[in-house]
């Protein structure tokens, strides 16, 4: 039985760690504890798919290398098996390229790590209007909005 995609290595693990500021194993723990981060969740899903696709590429590559090993009996070679492996390899490479592109696009559109992990809360600039009342102005009556009385 093969291990979960979360523990399989992928070619983009370093980039994920750089983008999110933690090793991939820690990112999976972070996502399990607080599953609210959509970008992290999506990135880890794509990373898992990529890891599986890369594993498939490696399996087919290794199978072809084994079949073509110089010590292998030439009578065991099968053009049909090699043709099938070539098709499987093409499909696995297409999948890998698609996942890498999708993950790359997601990581490109994310804010910089320093912006995302700022310890200060977001402050919105709100204009403040300060005015001073003329010295003769009276305070608002207790029933604001009611008809005003005329003052002498």
Protein backbone atom coordinates (compact mmCIF):
# COMPACT_ATOMS: atom_id res chain seq x y z
CA UNK A 1 0.00 0.00 0.00
CA UNK A 2 1.42 3.40 -0.95
CA UNK A 3 1.52 6.25 1.56
CA UNK A 4 -0.88 9.16 1.45
CA UNK A 5 -0.20 11.95 -1.02
CA UNK A 6 0.51 14.24 1.93
CA UNK A 7 3.76 12.39 2.69
CA UNK A 8 4.87 11.80 -0.90
CA UNK A 9 7.43 14.33 -2.11
CA UNK A 10 6.60 16.67 -4.98
CA UNK A 11 8.74 18.93 -7.14
CA UNK A 12 6.96 22.00 -5.75
CA UNK A 13 7.40 21.36 -2.01
CA UNK A 14 10.13 23.97 -1.70
CA UNK A 15 8.03 26.60 -3.41
CA UNK A 16 5.05 25.82 -1.16
CA UNK A 17 7.23 26.06 1.94
CA UNK A 18 8.62 29.38 0.74
CA UNK A 19 5.20 30.79 -0.09
CA UNK A 20 3.45 29.72 3.12
CA UNK A 21 6.46 30.04 5.42
CA UNK A 22 6.52 26.47 6.75
CA UNK A 23 7.55 22.95 5.66
CA UNK A 24 4.88 20.97 3.81
CA UNK A 25 4.25 18.63 6.78
CA UNK A 26 3.52 21.67 8.95
CA UNK A 27 1.21 23.07 6.28
CA UNK A 28 -0.88 19.89 6.35
CA UNK A 29 -1.07 20.16 10.16
CA UNK A 30 -2.05 23.84 9.89
CA UNK A 31 -4.78 23.01 7.38
CA UNK A 32 -6.13 20.22 9.63
CA UNK A 33 -6.24 22.48 12.68
CA UNK A 34 -7.77 25.51 10.99
CA UNK A 35 -9.31 24.46 7.67
CA UNK A 36 -10.51 27.98 6.89
CA UNK A 37 -7.68 29.00 4.53
CA UNK A 38 -9.00 28.43 1.03
CA UNK A 39 -5.69 29.18 -0.68
CA UNK A 40 -3.76 26.78 1.55
CA UNK A 41 -6.37 24.05 1.17
CA UNK A 42 -6.42 24.41 -2.61
CA UNK A 43 -2.61 24.51 -2.79
CA UNK A 44 -2.33 21.32 -0.73
CA UNK A 45 -4.94 19.56 -2.88
CA UNK A 46 -3.06 20.49 -6.04
CA UNK A 47 0.21 19.46 -4.38
CA UNK A 48 -1.27 16.04 -3.54
CA UNK A 49 -2.44 15.52 -7.12
CA UNK A 50 0.98 16.62 -8.38
CA UNK A 51 2.76 14.20 -6.04
CA UNK A 52 0.63 11.31 -7.32
CA UNK A 53 1.16 12.28 -10.96
CA UNK A 54 4.92 12.54 -10.41
CA UNK A 55 4.89 9.13 -8.76
CA UNK A 56 3.16 7.70 -11.84
CA UNK A 57 5.75 9.29 -14.13
CA UNK A 58 8.52 7.76 -12.03
CA UNK A 59 6.88 4.31 -12.05
CA UNK A 60 6.54 4.22 -15.83
CA UNK A 61 10.05 5.60 -16.31
CA UNK A 62 11.47 2.95 -13.98
CA UNK A 63 9.51 0.19 -15.72
CA UNK A 64 10.84 1.28 -19.13
CA UNK A 65 14.39 1.51 -17.78
CA UNK A 66 14.07 -1.98 -16.32
CA UNK A 67 12.70 -3.37 -19.59
CA UNK A 68 15.52 -1.74 -21.54
CA UNK A 69 18.33 -2.65 -19.12
CA UNK A 70 21.44 -3.94 -20.90
CA UNK A 71 21.39 -7.08 -18.78
CA UNK A 72 17.79 -7.90 -19.75
CA UNK A 73 17.14 -10.74 -22.19
CA UNK A 74 16.13 -9.25 -25.59
CA UNK A 75 13.56 -12.00 -26.06
CA UNK A 76 11.58 -10.46 -23.18
CA UNK A 77 11.16 -7.12 -24.97
CA UNK A 78 7.62 -6.34 -26.08
CA UNK A 79 6.85 -3.52 -28.48
CA UNK A 80 3.21 -3.56 -27.31
CA UNK A 81 4.25 -3.14 -23.66
CA UNK A 82 6.60 -0.30 -24.58
CA UNK A 83 3.89 1.37 -26.69
CA UNK A 84 1.45 1.11 -23.77
CA UNK A 85 4.07 2.52 -21.39
CA UNK A 86 4.72 5.40 -23.79
CA UNK A 87 0.99 6.26 -23.81
CA UNK A 88 0.79 5.99 -20.04
CA UNK A 89 3.89 8.14 -19.67
CA UNK A 90 2.41 10.79 -21.98
CA UNK A 91 -0.81 10.86 -19.92
CA UNK A 92 1.09 11.06 -16.62
CA UNK A 93 3.33 13.85 -17.93
CA UNK A 94 0.28 15.80 -19.16
CA UNK A 95 -1.33 15.46 -15.74
CA UNK A 96 1.87 16.51 -13.99
CA UNK A 97 2.25 19.55 -16.24
CA UNK A 98 -1.38 20.54 -15.64
CA UNK A 99 -1.06 20.30 -11.86
CA UNK A 100 2.24 22.20 -11.87
CA UNK A 101 0.69 24.97 -13.96
CA UNK A 102 -2.40 25.21 -11.75
CA UNK A 103 -0.34 25.25 -8.56
CA UNK A 104 2.07 27.78 -10.05
CA UNK A 105 -0.81 30.07 -11.00
CA UNK A 106 -2.32 29.80 -7.52
CA UNK A 107 0.99 30.61 -5.85
CA UNK A 108 1.63 33.51 -8.25
CA UNK A 109 -1.68 35.16 -7.35
CA UNK A 110 -1.15 34.92 -3.59
CA UNK A 111 -0.04 37.94 -1.56
CA UNK A 112 3.53 38.07 -0.35
CA UNK A 113 4.15 36.10 2.83
CA UNK A 114 5.24 39.20 4.73
CA UNK A 115 1.92 40.89 3.94
CA UNK A 116 -0.12 37.82 4.83
CA UNK A 117 1.51 37.16 8.20
CA UNK A 118 1.53 40.72 9.47
CA UNK A 119 0.89 40.77 13.21
CA UNK A 120 -0.86 44.13 13.05
CA UNK A 121 -4.57 44.16 12.36
CA UNK A 122 -5.67 45.76 9.14
CA UNK A 123 -6.34 49.43 9.54
CA UNK A 124 -8.56 51.22 7.09
CA UNK A 125 -7.95 54.89 6.49
CA UNK A 126 -11.14 56.70 7.37
CA UNK A 127 -11.30 60.41 6.84
CA UNK A 128 -12.05 62.34 9.99
CA UNK A 129 -13.91 65.56 9.70
CA UNK A 130 -13.26 67.92 12.53
CA UNK A 131 -15.20 71.11 12.83
CA UNK A 132 -15.62 73.64 15.54
CA UNK A 133 -18.96 75.15 16.29
CA UNK A 134 -19.25 78.87 16.44
CA UNK A 135 -19.34 80.12 20.06
CA UNK A 136 -22.99 81.22 19.78
CA UNK A 137 -24.26 77.86 18.64
CA UNK A 138 -26.54 76.12 21.10
CA UNK A 139 -26.44 72.38 21.75
CA UNK A 140 -29.02 70.20 20.00
CA UNK A 141 -32.37 70.05 21.78
CA UNK A 142 -33.08 66.84 23.73
CA UNK A 143 -35.67 65.81 21.14
CA UNK A 144 -33.55 66.00 18.05
CA UNK A 145 -35.58 66.11 14.90
CA UNK A 146 -38.54 67.79 16.59
CA UNK A 147 -39.71 71.21 15.44
CA UNK A 148 -37.33 73.89 16.64
CA UNK A 149 -38.45 76.69 18.85
CA UNK A 150 -37.67 80.22 17.82
CA UNK A 151 -35.24 81.95 20.14
CA UNK A 152 -35.28 85.68 20.72
